C-alpha atoms as a PDB file:
ATOM      1  CA  UNK A   1       0.000   0.000   0.000  1.00  0.00           C
ATOM      2  CA  UNK A   2       1.036   3.613  -0.229  1.00  0.00           C
ATOM      3  CA  UNK A   3       2.847   5.593   2.422  1.00  0.00           C
ATOM      4  CA  UNK A   4       5.948   3.431   2.288  1.00  0.00           C
ATOM      5  CA  UNK A   5       4.392   0.298   3.755  1.00  0.00           C
ATOM      6  CA  UNK A   6       4.377  -3.212   2.326  1.00  0.00           C
ATOM      7  CA  UNK A   7       1.777  -5.503   3.865  1.00  0.00           C
ATOM      8  CA  UNK A   8       1.777  -9.295   3.584  1.00  0.00           C
ATOM      9  CA  UNK A   9       1.366 -12.232   5.913  1.00  0.00           C
ATOM     10  CA  UNK A  10       4.907 -11.862   7.265  1.00  0.00           C
ATOM     11  CA  UNK A  11       4.632  -8.170   8.000  1.00  0.00           C
ATOM     12  CA  UNK A  12       1.238  -7.985   9.688  1.00  0.00           C
ATOM     13  CA  UNK A  13       2.468  -6.614  13.002  1.00  0.00           C
ATOM     14  CA  UNK A  14       1.399  -3.317  14.441  1.00  0.00           C
ATOM     15  CA  UNK A  15       4.872  -1.766  14.452  1.00  0.00           C
ATOM     16  CA  UNK A  16       6.331  -3.064  11.140  1.00  0.00           C
ATOM     17  CA  UNK A  17       8.859  -5.067  13.148  1.00  0.00           C
ATOM     18  CA  UNK A  18       9.661  -7.239  10.146  1.00  0.00           C
ATOM     19  CA  UNK A  19      11.549  -4.379   8.508  1.00  0.00           C
ATOM     20  CA  UNK A  20      13.417  -3.486  11.685  1.00  0.00           C
ATOM     21  CA  UNK A  21      15.314  -6.755  11.582  1.00  0.00           C
ATOM     22  CA  UNK A  22      13.961  -7.757  14.984  1.00  0.00           C
ATOM     23  CA  UNK A  23      12.784 -11.279  15.605  1.00  0.00           C
ATOM     24  CA  UNK A  24       9.265 -11.352  16.984  1.00  0.00           C
ATOM     25  CA  UNK A  25      10.333 -13.531  19.911  1.00  0.00           C
ATOM     26  CA  UNK A  26      12.539 -10.712  21.181  1.00  0.00           C
ATOM     27  CA  UNK A  27       9.829  -8.057  21.027  1.00  0.00           C
ATOM     28  CA  UNK A  28       7.844  -6.769  23.992  1.00  0.00           C
ATOM     29  CA  UNK A  29       4.519  -8.679  23.993  1.00  0.00           C
ATOM     30  CA  UNK A  30       2.494  -5.462  24.036  1.00  0.00           C
ATOM     31  CA  UNK A  31       3.824  -4.522  20.592  1.00  0.00           C
ATOM     32  CA  UNK A  32       2.720  -7.831  19.102  1.00  0.00           C
ATOM     33  CA  UNK A  33      -0.544  -8.289  20.972  1.00  0.00           C
ATOM     34  CA  UNK A  34      -2.108  -5.151  19.475  1.00  0.00           C
ATOM     35  CA  UNK A  35      -4.215  -4.908  22.625  1.00  0.00           C
ATOM     36  CA  UNK A  36      -3.302  -1.243  22.938  1.00  0.00           C
ATOM     37  CA  UNK A  37      -5.568  -0.472  19.979  1.00  0.00           C
ATOM     38  CA  UNK A  38      -8.708  -1.832  21.636  1.00  0.00           C
ATOM     39  CA  UNK A  39     -11.042   0.109  23.932  1.00  0.00           C
ATOM     40  CA  UNK A  40     -10.010   0.438  27.603  1.00  0.00           C
ATOM     41  CA  UNK A  41     -12.879  -1.741  28.838  1.00  0.00           C
ATOM     42  CA  UNK A  42     -11.322  -4.733  27.077  1.00  0.00           C
ATOM     43  CA  UNK A  43      -7.826  -4.242  28.454  1.00  0.00           C
ATOM     44  CA  UNK A  44      -8.752  -6.247  31.544  1.00  0.00           C
ATOM     45  CA  UNK A  45      -8.551  -9.372  29.396  1.00  0.00           C
ATOM     46  CA  UNK A  46      -5.011  -8.533  28.320  1.00  0.00           C
ATOM     47  CA  UNK A  47      -3.970  -7.914  31.921  1.00  0.00           C
ATOM     48  CA  UNK A  48      -5.421 -11.239  32.994  1.00  0.00           C
ATOM     49  CA  UNK A  49      -3.428 -12.868  30.197  1.00  0.00           C
ATOM     50  CA  UNK A  50      -0.216 -11.528  31.726  1.00  0.00           C
ATOM     51  CA  UNK A  51       0.660  -9.140  28.888  1.00  0.00           C
ATOM     52  CA  UNK A  52       2.501  -6.019  30.046  1.00  0.00           C
ATOM     53  CA  UNK A  53       1.061  -2.792  28.683  1.00  0.00           C
ATOM     54  CA  UNK A  54       2.084   0.881  28.752  1.00  0.00           C
ATOM     55  CA  UNK A  55       0.296   2.777  31.532  1.00  0.00           C
ATOM     56  CA  UNK A  56      -1.857   5.101  29.419  1.00  0.00           C
ATOM     57  CA  UNK A  57      -3.756   3.329  26.645  1.00  0.00           C
ATOM     58  CA  UNK A  58      -5.922   5.498  24.403  1.00  0.00           C
ATOM     59  CA  UNK A  59      -7.806   4.709  21.210  1.00  0.00           C
ATOM     60  CA  UNK A  60      -9.557   8.007  20.448  1.00  0.00           C
ATOM     61  CA  UNK A  61      -9.256  11.705  21.186  1.00  0.00           C
ATOM     62  CA  UNK A  62     -12.055  11.299  23.709  1.00  0.00           C
ATOM     63  CA  UNK A  63     -10.154   8.699  25.709  1.00  0.00           C
ATOM     64  CA  UNK A  64      -6.956  10.710  25.326  1.00  0.00           C
ATOM     65  CA  UNK A  65      -8.587  13.831  26.763  1.00  0.00           C
ATOM     66  CA  UNK A  66     -10.146  11.801  29.572  1.00  0.00           C
ATOM     67  CA  UNK A  67      -6.698  10.583  30.592  1.00  0.00           C
ATOM     68  CA  UNK A  68      -5.202  14.064  30.595  1.00  0.00           C
ATOM     69  CA  UNK A  69      -7.959  15.185  32.953  1.00  0.00           C
ATOM     70  CA  UNK A  70      -7.858  12.105  35.172  1.00  0.00           C
ATOM     71  CA  UNK A  71      -4.089  12.084  35.659  1.00  0.00           C
ATOM     72  CA  UNK A  72      -3.449  15.850  35.270  1.00  0.00           C
ATOM     73  CA  UNK A  73      -0.907  15.296  32.516  1.00  0.00           C
ATOM     74  CA  UNK A  74      -0.343  16.892  29.151  1.00  0.00           C
ATOM     75  CA  UNK A  75      -0.580  14.816  25.993  1.00  0.00           C
ATOM     76  CA  UNK A  76       3.204  14.913  25.697  1.00  0.00           C
ATOM     77  CA  UNK A  77       3.564  13.652  29.259  1.00  0.00           C
ATOM     78  CA  UNK A  78       1.242  10.703  28.584  1.00  0.00           C
ATOM     79  CA  UNK A  79       3.194   9.667  25.496  1.00  0.00           C
ATOM     80  CA  UNK A  80       6.490  10.114  27.325  1.00  0.00           C
ATOM     81  CA  UNK A  81       5.354   7.899  30.203  1.00  0.00           C
ATOM     82  CA  UNK A  82       4.192   5.263  27.715  1.00  0.00           C
ATOM     83  CA  UNK A  83       7.634   5.326  26.106  1.00  0.00           C
ATOM     84  CA  UNK A  84       9.187   4.733  29.532  1.00  0.00           C
ATOM     85  CA  UNK A  85       7.590   1.287  29.329  1.00  0.00           C
ATOM     86  CA  UNK A  86      10.126   0.463  26.598  1.00  0.00           C
ATOM     87  CA  UNK A  87      13.030   2.905  26.989  1.00  0.00           C
ATOM     88  CA  UNK A  88      14.959   4.807  29.633  1.00  0.00           C
ATOM     89  CA  UNK A  89      14.703   8.623  29.883  1.00  0.00           C
ATOM     90  CA  UNK A  90      18.187   8.957  28.365  1.00  0.00           C
ATOM     91  CA  UNK A  91      17.226   6.734  25.430  1.00  0.00           C
ATOM     92  CA  UNK A  92      14.009   8.673  24.813  1.00  0.00           C
ATOM     93  CA  UNK A  93      15.878  11.970  24.820  1.00  0.00           C
ATOM     94  CA  UNK A  94      18.569  10.590  22.521  1.00  0.00           C
ATOM     95  CA  UNK A  95      16.058   9.266  19.999  1.00  0.00           C
ATOM     96  CA  UNK A  96      14.018  12.477  19.979  1.00  0.00           C
ATOM     97  CA  UNK A  97      17.143  14.533  19.357  1.00  0.00           C
ATOM     98  CA  UNK A  98      18.225  12.102  16.638  1.00  0.00           C
ATOM     99  CA  UNK A  99      14.880  12.515  14.866  1.00  0.00           C
ATOM    100  CA  UNK A 100      15.121  16.293  15.080  1.00  0.00           C
ATOM    101  CA  UNK A 101      18.753  16.217  13.951  1.00  0.00           C
ATOM    102  CA  UNK A 102      17.831  14.387  10.752  1.00  0.00           C
ATOM    103  CA  UNK A 103      14.932  16.792  10.135  1.00  0.00           C
ATOM    104  CA  UNK A 104      17.126  19.832  10.653  1.00  0.00           C
ATOM    105  CA  UNK A 105      19.912  18.503   8.441  1.00  0.00           C
ATOM    106  CA  UNK A 106      17.371  17.670   5.750  1.00  0.00           C
ATOM    107  CA  UNK A 107      16.177  21.284   5.675  1.00  0.00           C
ATOM    108  CA  UNK A 108      19.764  22.535   5.548  1.00  0.00           C
ATOM    109  CA  UNK A 109      20.535  20.204   2.658  1.00  0.00           C
ATOM    110  CA  UNK A 110      17.424  21.296   0.776  1.00  0.00           C
ATOM    111  CA  UNK A 111      18.117  25.027   0.978  1.00  0.00           C
ATOM    112  CA  UNK A 112      21.876  24.817   0.335  1.00  0.00           C
ATOM    113  CA  UNK A 113      22.073  22.369  -2.555  1.00  0.00           C
ATOM    114  CA  UNK A 114      23.600  23.504  -5.845  1.00  0.00           C
ATOM    115  CA  UNK A 115      21.490  21.112  -7.913  1.00  0.00           C
ATOM    116  CA  UNK A 116      18.899  22.896  -9.987  1.00  0.00           C
ATOM    117  CA  UNK A 117      16.533  20.107 -11.088  1.00  0.00           C
ATOM    118  CA  UNK A 118      15.053  17.004  -9.492  1.00  0.00           C
ATOM    119  CA  UNK A 119      15.632  13.488 -10.872  1.00  0.00           C
ATOM    120  CA  UNK A 120      13.092  12.195 -13.373  1.00  0.00           C
ATOM    121  CA  UNK A 121      12.090  12.915 -16.925  1.00  0.00           C
ATOM    122  CA  UNK A 122       9.903  15.876 -15.938  1.00  0.00           C
ATOM    123  CA  UNK A 123      13.041  17.813 -14.882  1.00  0.00           C
ATOM    124  CA  UNK A 124      11.215  19.705 -12.119  1.00  0.00           C
ATOM    125  CA  UNK A 125      13.176  22.758 -10.967  1.00  0.00           C
ATOM    126  CA  UNK A 126      14.224  22.964  -7.318  1.00  0.00           C
ATOM    127  CA  UNK A 127      12.665  25.960  -5.573  1.00  0.00           C
ATOM    128  CA  UNK A 128      13.960  25.808  -1.981  1.00  0.00           C
ATOM    129  CA  UNK A 129      17.489  27.217  -2.570  1.00  0.00           C
ATOM    130  CA  UNK A 130      16.135  30.204  -4.492  1.00  0.00           C
ATOM    131  CA  UNK A 131      13.362  30.847  -1.954  1.00  0.00           C
ATOM    132  CA  UNK A 132      15.747  30.680   0.976  1.00  0.00           C
ATOM    133  CA  UNK A 133      18.237  33.019  -0.665  1.00  0.00           C
ATOM    134  CA  UNK A 134      15.489  35.565  -1.294  1.00  0.00           C
ATOM    135  CA  UNK A 135      14.205  35.318   2.272  1.00  0.00           C
ATOM    136  CA  UNK A 136      17.676  35.761   3.746  1.00  0.00           C
ATOM    137  CA  UNK A 137      18.307  39.029   1.904  1.00  0.00           C
ATOM    138  CA  UNK A 138      16.481  40.959   4.586  1.00  0.00           C
ATOM    139  CA  UNK A 139      18.447  39.349   7.418  1.00  0.00           C
ATOM    140  CA  UNK A 140      22.073  39.839   6.440  1.00  0.00           C
ATOM    141  CA  UNK A 141      22.281  41.806   3.184  1.00  0.00           C
ATOM    142  CA  UNK A 142      25.263  40.739   1.150  1.00  0.00           C
ATOM    143  CA  UNK A 143      25.939  37.511   3.041  1.00  0.00           C
ATOM    144  CA  UNK A 144      23.185  35.390   1.541  1.00  0.00           C
ATOM    145  CA  UNK A 145      23.883  36.815  -1.901  1.00  0.00           C
ATOM    146  CA  UNK A 146      27.563  35.790  -1.903  1.00  0.00           C
ATOM    147  CA  UNK A 147      27.614  32.752   0.356  1.00  0.00           C
ATOM    148  CA  UNK A 148      28.178  29.436  -1.386  1.00  0.00           C
ATOM    149  CA  UNK A 149      25.776  27.647   0.986  1.00  0.00           C
ATOM    150  CA  UNK A 150      23.036  29.455   2.902  1.00  0.00           C
ATOM    151  CA  UNK A 151      23.319  28.967   6.655  1.00  0.00           C
ATOM    152  CA  UNK A 152      20.371  28.554   9.002  1.00  0.00           C
ATOM    153  CA  UNK A 153      21.307  30.273  12.216  1.00  0.00           C
ATOM    154  CA  UNK A 154      18.049  31.281  13.886  1.00  0.00           C
ATOM    155  CA  UNK A 155      18.622  35.028  14.067  1.00  0.00           C
ATOM    156  CA  UNK A 156      15.455  37.083  13.906  1.00  0.00           C
ATOM    157  CA  UNK A 157      15.650  40.397  12.120  1.00  0.00           C
ATOM    158  CA  UNK A 158      13.633  43.408  13.021  1.00  0.00           C
ATOM    159  CA  UNK A 159      13.245  42.712  16.727  1.00  0.00           C
ATOM    160  CA  UNK A 160      12.814  45.928  18.698  1.00  0.00           C
ATOM    161  CA  UNK A 161      14.717  46.017  21.983  1.00  0.00           C
ATOM    162  CA  UNK A 162      12.600  46.424  25.089  1.00  0.00           C
ATOM    163  CA  UNK A 163      12.401  49.968  26.379  1.00  0.00           C
ATOM    164  CA  UNK A 164      13.199  50.824  29.963  1.00  0.00           C
ATOM    165  CA  UNK A 165      10.506  51.706  32.439  1.00  0.00           C
ATOM    166  CA  UNK A 166      11.495  55.388  32.539  1.00  0.00           C
ATOM    167  CA  UNK A 167      11.137  55.726  28.804  1.00  0.00           C
ATOM    168  CA  UNK A 168       7.721  54.085  28.810  1.00  0.00           C
ATOM    169  CA  UNK A 169       6.524  56.271  31.677  1.00  0.00           C
ATOM    170  CA  UNK A 170       7.667  59.477  30.022  1.00  0.00           C
ATOM    171  CA  UNK A 171       5.753  58.692  26.815  1.00  0.00           C
ATOM    172  CA  UNK A 172       2.595  57.353  28.442  1.00  0.00           C
ATOM    173  CA  UNK A 173       0.114  60.116  29.283  1.00  0.00           C
ATOM    174  CA  UNK A 174      -2.233  57.574  30.846  1.00  0.00           C
ATOM    175  CA  UNK A 175       0.150  56.319  33.535  1.00  0.00           C
ATOM    176  CA  UNK A 176      -1.025  55.852  37.120  1.00  0.00           C
ATOM    177  CA  UNK A 177       0.810  59.047  38.060  1.00  0.00           C
ATOM    178  CA  UNK A 178      -1.806  61.013  36.116  1.00  0.00           C
ATOM    179  CA  UNK A 179      -4.446  60.068  38.696  1.00  0.00           C
ATOM    180  CA  UNK A 180      -5.930  57.156  36.752  1.00  0.00           C
ATOM    181  CA  UNK A 181      -6.529  53.805  38.423  1.00  0.00           C
ATOM    182  CA  UNK A 182      -4.773  50.974  36.561  1.00  0.00           C
ATOM    183  CA  UNK A 183      -7.065  48.252  35.274  1.00  0.00           C
ATOM    184  CA  UNK A 184      -6.858  44.896  37.079  1.00  0.00           C
ATOM    185  CA  UNK A 185      -4.651  42.304  35.474  1.00  0.00           C
ATOM    186  CA  UNK A 186      -6.423  39.344  33.885  1.00  0.00           C
ATOM    187  CA  UNK A 187      -6.108  36.011  35.610  1.00  0.00           C
ATOM    188  CA  UNK A 188      -3.394  33.770  34.199  1.00  0.00           C
ATOM    189  CA  UNK A 189      -4.768  30.804  32.263  1.00  0.00           C
ATOM    190  CA  UNK A 190      -4.864  27.417  33.953  1.00  0.00           C
ATOM    191  CA  UNK A 191      -1.910  25.187  33.083  1.00  0.00           C
ATOM    192  CA  UNK A 192      -2.659  21.488  32.689  1.00  0.00           C
ATOM    193  CA  UNK A 193       0.070  19.028  33.603  1.00  0.00           C
ATOM    194  CA  UNK A 194       2.533  18.077  36.301  1.00  0.00           C
ATOM    195  CA  UNK A 195       5.415  20.479  36.932  1.00  0.00           C
ATOM    196  CA  UNK A 196       7.716  17.824  38.392  1.00  0.00           C
ATOM    197  CA  UNK A 197       7.559  15.734  35.190  1.00  0.00           C
ATOM    198  CA  UNK A 198      10.473  15.115  32.817  1.00  0.00           C
ATOM    199  CA  UNK A 199       8.410  16.877  30.141  1.00  0.00           C
ATOM    200  CA  UNK A 200       7.125  20.031  31.884  1.00  0.00           C
ATOM    201  CA  UNK A 201       3.839  21.608  30.771  1.00  0.00           C
ATOM    202  CA  UNK A 202       4.170  24.563  28.446  1.00  0.00           C
ATOM    203  CA  UNK A 203       3.029  27.993  29.654  1.00  0.00           C
ATOM    204  CA  UNK A 204       0.449  29.791  27.560  1.00  0.00           C
ATOM    205  CA  UNK A 205       2.012  32.363  25.270  1.00  0.00           C
ATOM    206  CA  UNK A 206       1.182  34.552  22.302  1.00  0.00           C
ATOM    207  CA  UNK A 207       3.337  35.469  19.368  1.00  0.00           C
ATOM    208  CA  UNK A 208       3.426  37.283  16.083  1.00  0.00           C
ATOM    209  CA  UNK A 209       4.475  35.339  13.014  1.00  0.00           C
ATOM    210  CA  UNK A 210       7.559  36.943  11.492  1.00  0.00           C
ATOM    211  CA  UNK A 211       8.847  35.537   8.238  1.00  0.00           C
ATOM    212  CA  UNK A 212       5.995  33.062   7.828  1.00  0.00           C
ATOM    213  CA  UNK A 213       7.263  32.414   4.300  1.00  0.00           C
ATOM    214  CA  UNK A 214      10.044  30.378   5.886  1.00  0.00           C
ATOM    215  CA  UNK A 215       7.436  27.716   6.652  1.00  0.00           C
ATOM    216  CA  UNK A 216       6.818  27.105   2.953  1.00  0.00           C
ATOM    217  CA  UNK A 217      10.526  27.214   2.182  1.00  0.00           C
ATOM    218  CA  UNK A 218      11.364  24.611   4.833  1.00  0.00           C
ATOM    219  CA  UNK A 219       8.571  22.256   3.716  1.00  0.00           C
ATOM    220  CA  UNK A 220       9.589  22.499   0.067  1.00  0.00           C
ATOM    221  CA  UNK A 221      13.238  21.897   1.003  1.00  0.00           C
ATOM    222  CA  UNK A 222      12.448  18.628   2.791  1.00  0.00           C
ATOM    223  CA  UNK A 223      10.325  17.242  -0.007  1.00  0.00           C
ATOM    224  CA  UNK A 224      12.865  18.180  -2.646  1.00  0.00           C
ATOM    225  CA  UNK A 225      15.443  16.207  -0.650  1.00  0.00           C
ATOM    226  CA  UNK A 226      12.978  13.314  -0.574  1.00  0.00           C
ATOM    227  CA  UNK A 227      12.358  13.577  -4.321  1.00  0.00           C
ATOM    228  CA  UNK A 228      16.121  13.524  -4.858  1.00  0.00           C
ATOM    229  CA  UNK A 229      16.621  10.348  -2.846  1.00  0.00           C
ATOM    230  CA  UNK A 230      18.048  12.071   0.250  1.00  0.00           C
ATOM    231  CA  UNK A 231      17.664  11.155   3.900  1.00  0.00           C
ATOM    232  CA  UNK A 232      14.444  12.284   5.574  1.00  0.00           C
ATOM    233  CA  UNK A 233      12.267  11.362   8.542  1.00  0.00           C
ATOM    234  CA  UNK A 234       9.089   9.503   7.608  1.00  0.00           C
ATOM    235  CA  UNK A 235       6.687  11.793   9.437  1.00  0.00           C
ATOM    236  CA  UNK A 236       4.179  10.300   9.044  1.00  0.00           C
ATOM    237  CA  UNK A 237       5.020   9.248   5.463  1.00  0.00           C
ATOM    238  CA  UNK A 238       7.678  10.071   2.887  1.00  0.00           C
ATOM    239  CA  UNK A 239       5.302  12.020   0.672  1.00  0.00           C
ATOM    240  CA  UNK A 240       4.228  14.210   3.616  1.00  0.00           C
ATOM    241  CA  UNK A 241       7.619  14.438   5.303  1.00  0.00           C
ATOM    242  CA  UNK A 242       7.962  18.217   4.919  1.00  0.00           C
ATOM    243  CA  UNK A 243       5.106  19.523   7.065  1.00  0.00           C
ATOM    244  CA  UNK A 244       6.234  18.513  10.562  1.00  0.00           C
ATOM    245  CA  UNK A 245       9.936  19.468  10.145  1.00  0.00           C
ATOM    246  CA  UNK A 246       8.950  22.835   8.665  1.00  0.00           C
ATOM    247  CA  UNK A 247       6.646  23.781  11.534  1.00  0.00           C
ATOM    248  CA  UNK A 248       9.090  22.544  14.177  1.00  0.00           C
ATOM    249  CA  UNK A 249      11.985  24.384  12.541  1.00  0.00           C
ATOM    250  CA  UNK A 250       9.900  27.551  12.500  1.00  0.00           C
ATOM    251  CA  UNK A 251       9.183  27.179  16.215  1.00  0.00           C
ATOM    252  CA  UNK A 252      12.855  26.657  17.029  1.00  0.00           C
ATOM    253  CA  UNK A 253      14.007  29.574  14.890  1.00  0.00           C
ATOM    254  CA  UNK A 254      11.373  32.218  15.582  1.00  0.00           C
ATOM    255  CA  UNK A 255       9.430  31.384  18.743  1.00  0.00           C
ATOM    256  CA  UNK A 256      11.213  29.026  21.124  1.00  0.00           C
ATOM    257  CA  UNK A 257      13.093  30.134  24.218  1.00  0.00           C
ATOM    258  CA  UNK A 258      13.882  26.536  25.241  1.00  0.00           C
ATOM    259  CA  UNK A 259      14.395  24.538  22.029  1.00  0.00           C
ATOM    260  CA  UNK A 260      15.017  21.147  23.630  1.00  0.00           C
ATOM    261  CA  UNK A 261      11.797  21.258  25.657  1.00  0.00           C
ATOM    262  CA  UNK A 262       9.788  22.576  22.708  1.00  0.00           C
ATOM    263  CA  UNK A 263      11.156  19.876  20.388  1.00  0.00           C
ATOM    264  CA  UNK A 264      10.276  17.162  22.902  1.00  0.00           C
ATOM    265  CA  UNK A 265       6.784  18.525  23.537  1.00  0.00           C
ATOM    266  CA  UNK A 266       6.113  19.017  19.833  1.00  0.00           C
ATOM    267  CA  UNK A 267       7.196  15.563  18.684  1.00  0.00           C
ATOM    268  CA  UNK A 268       5.524  13.652  21.530  1.00  0.00           C
ATOM    269  CA  UNK A 269       2.239  15.511  21.016  1.00  0.00           C
ATOM    270  CA  UNK A 270       2.359  15.054  17.242  1.00  0.00           C
ATOM    271  CA  UNK A 271       3.069  11.354  17.777  1.00  0.00           C
ATOM    272  CA  UNK A 272      -0.095  10.945  19.832  1.00  0.00           C
ATOM    273  CA  UNK A 273      -2.215  12.441  17.048  1.00  0.00           C
ATOM    274  CA  UNK A 274      -0.434  10.297  14.469  1.00  0.00           C
ATOM    275  CA  UNK A 275      -1.246   7.183  16.510  1.00  0.00           C
ATOM    276  CA  UNK A 276      -4.940   8.031  16.449  1.00  0.00           C
ATOM    277  CA  UNK A 277      -4.949   8.310  12.650  1.00  0.00           C
ATOM    278  CA  UNK A 278      -2.821   5.206  12.096  1.00  0.00           C
ATOM    279  CA  UNK A 279      -4.935   3.034  14.378  1.00  0.00           C
ATOM    280  CA  UNK A 280      -8.353   4.514  13.665  1.00  0.00           C
ATOM    281  CA  UNK A 281      -8.055   5.306   9.955  1.00  0.00           C
ATOM    282  CA  UNK A 282      -4.950   5.166   7.745  1.00  0.00           C
ATOM    283  CA  UNK A 283      -1.810   7.092   6.804  1.00  0.00           C
ATOM    284  CA  UNK A 284      -1.535   5.349   3.441  1.00  0.00           C
ATOM    285  CA  UNK A 285      -2.190   7.421   0.320  1.00  0.00           C
ATOM    286  CA  UNK A 286      -3.169   4.272  -1.571  1.00  0.00           C
ATOM    287  CA  UNK A 287      -5.940   3.705   0.955  1.00  0.00           C
ATOM    288  CA  UNK A 288      -6.930   7.250   1.939  1.00  0.00           C
ATOM    289  CA  UNK A 289      -5.520   9.564  -0.699  1.00  0.00           C
ATOM    290  CA  UNK A 290      -3.356  12.576   0.005  1.00  0.00           C
ATOM    291  CA  UNK A 291      -5.570  13.502   2.942  1.00  0.00           C
ATOM    292  CA  UNK A 292      -4.114  10.447   4.706  1.00  0.00           C
ATOM    293  CA  UNK A 293      -0.603  11.806   4.203  1.00  0.00           C
ATOM    294  CA  UNK A 294      -0.471  15.603   3.999  1.00  0.00           C
ATOM    295  CA  UNK A 295      -3.757  15.891   5.888  1.00  0.00           C
ATOM    296  CA  UNK A 296      -2.528  13.747   8.777  1.00  0.00           C
ATOM    297  CA  UNK A 297       0.847  15.509   8.777  1.00  0.00           C
ATOM    298  CA  UNK A 298      -0.942  18.866   8.963  1.00  0.00           C
ATOM    299  CA  UNK A 299      -3.042  17.648  11.900  1.00  0.00           C
ATOM    300  CA  UNK A 300       0.046  16.347  13.711  1.00  0.00           C
ATOM    301  CA  UNK A 301       1.950  19.594  13.146  1.00  0.00           C
ATOM    302  CA  UNK A 302      -1.025  21.706  14.248  1.00  0.00           C
ATOM    303  CA  UNK A 303      -1.294  19.708  17.466  1.00  0.00           C
ATOM    304  CA  UNK A 304       2.432  19.971  18.134  1.00  0.00           C
ATOM    305  CA  UNK A 305       2.427  23.714  17.487  1.00  0.00           C
ATOM    306  CA  UNK A 306      -0.552  24.259  19.784  1.00  0.00           C
ATOM    307  CA  UNK A 307       1.172  22.223  22.501  1.00  0.00           C
ATOM    308  CA  UNK A 308       4.349  24.305  22.354  1.00  0.00           C
ATOM    309  CA  UNK A 309       2.226  27.441  22.606  1.00  0.00           C
ATOM    310  CA  UNK A 310       0.785  26.205  25.904  1.00  0.00           C
ATOM    311  CA  UNK A 311      -2.655  25.191  24.621  1.00  0.00           C
ATOM    312  CA  UNK A 312      -4.854  22.872  26.679  1.00  0.00           C
ATOM    313  CA  UNK A 313      -5.228  19.229  25.587  1.00  0.00           C
ATOM    314  CA  UNK A 314      -8.725  19.955  24.278  1.00  0.00           C
ATOM    315  CA  UNK A 315      -7.471  22.892  22.193  1.00  0.00           C
ATOM    316  CA  UNK A 316      -4.649  20.704  20.881  1.00  0.00           C
ATOM    317  CA  UNK A 317      -7.151  18.113  19.642  1.00  0.00           C
ATOM    318  CA  UNK A 318      -9.266  20.866  18.089  1.00  0.00           C
ATOM    319  CA  UNK A 319      -6.183  22.161  16.259  1.00  0.00           C
ATOM    320  CA  UNK A 320      -5.545  18.663  14.901  1.00  0.00           C
ATOM    321  CA  UNK A 321      -9.144  18.409  13.715  1.00  0.00           C
ATOM    322  CA  UNK A 322      -8.921  21.741  11.925  1.00  0.00           C
ATOM    323  CA  UNK A 323      -5.695  20.557  10.300  1.00  0.00           C
ATOM    324  CA  UNK A 324      -7.253  17.434   8.809  1.00  0.00           C
ATOM    325  CA  UNK A 325     -10.667  18.808   7.852  1.00  0.00           C
ATOM    326  CA  UNK A 326      -9.301  21.020   5.066  1.00  0.00           C
ATOM    327  CA  UNK A 327      -7.651  18.024   3.401  1.00  0.00           C
ATOM    328  CA  UNK A 328     -10.687  15.733   3.394  1.00  0.00           C
ATOM    329  CA  UNK A 329     -11.203  14.182  -0.012  1.00  0.00           C
ATOM    330  CA  UNK A 330      -7.740  15.108  -1.289  1.00  0.00           C
ATOM    331  CA  UNK A 331      -6.661  12.405  -3.727  1.00  0.00           C
ATOM    332  CA  UNK A 332      -3.248  10.937  -4.478  1.00  0.00           C
ATOM    333  CA  UNK A 333      -2.454  11.242  -8.181  1.00  0.00           C
ATOM    334  CA  UNK A 334       1.155  12.391  -8.700  1.00  0.00           C
ATOM    335  CA  UNK A 335       2.335  13.177 -12.215  1.00  0.00           C
ATOM    336  CA  UNK A 336       4.412  10.455 -13.818  1.00  0.00           C
ATOM    337  CA  UNK A 337       4.172   8.439 -10.604  1.00  0.00           C
ATOM    338  CA  UNK A 338       6.864  10.565  -8.918  1.00  0.00           C
ATOM    339  CA  UNK A 339       6.499  12.207  -5.503  1.00  0.00           C
ATOM    340  CA  UNK A 340       7.132  15.650  -6.976  1.00  0.00           C
ATOM    341  CA  UNK A 341       4.066  17.259  -8.585  1.00  0.00           C
ATOM    342  CA  UNK A 342       1.818  18.175  -6.806  1.00  0.00           C
ATOM    343  CA  UNK A 343       3.280  16.533  -3.687  1.00  0.00           C
ATOM    344  CA  UNK A 344       5.987  19.105  -2.921  1.00  0.00           C
ATOM    345  CA  UNK A 345       3.641  22.092  -3.125  1.00  0.00           C
ATOM    346  CA  UNK A 346       1.005  20.269  -1.076  1.00  0.00           C
ATOM    347  CA  UNK A 347       3.469  19.967   1.773  1.00  0.00           C
ATOM    348  CA  UNK A 348       3.953  23.709   1.573  1.00  0.00           C
ATOM    349  CA  UNK A 349       0.198  24.232   1.771  1.00  0.00           C
ATOM    350  CA  UNK A 350      -0.045  21.812   4.688  1.00  0.00           C
END
């Protein structure tokens, strides 16, 4: 089927263990039993059978939200604690950083390549290097124009330094010194989650969106690397591999004050949404069209972005729903059978 999966009698395991080179006898029983895809009321049978399971089993957004409320944990914290069933905290951190490292390097490769066309008889022109060079002109004039390979550093142009209190007071005719009573401060929003957890809850925050065109550039860069046979992260599929790295890169470059925490929160939250689609529907384009690839990737990225912005679990699920609903019915029909047209641009739209 599409999405990079081959299904036959030998490979019918929930985690595609056949392709990992792992013998099924050496795998944790919970990965082979597939009992973590059934409703919670039936998990008693699996416990009585002696099969070890992760602590927080969910099969729908409803059950996921119920667990966040019951245990006072964020979605990222639930997924993290489930991963502790298989891995140590150091291993989880190492694997998350490895995933992000490949994503980041993929974007760098896409925007700095000197190749002008993609493989294939259609000879599709690469757009990411040109787009990135144009975007960087406003950051460091002269550097991007003459550099042999554009560098992604994370500097944000146009930021205005904060003014001191004396300056603000001198220019504010409505200060409290003028005899006006200051308005009461609004109550801070409630933060869901445990503060003593390895993955702390994210505080609510607001932001402007500088350089939003970088999002499209990053997504195009990843999919051009994929179309050229480069190394990417299947997130959730190869054809939709540009959406999640682009949004996460944007967060790291323009919004984040603690990149490691934001990367962890983003990827764990996106993973939870991806699990719901994979278990409840499909992420295969051959089965569900492009909405099962770019649509699911958009939902995962929307959920991860909302999580890093301090949204509640319910808002995170609503963001994921909004992400998928605008891709419903999108078909998979690439020109010449290559993951180039319209796949690359669809990742940008996602």
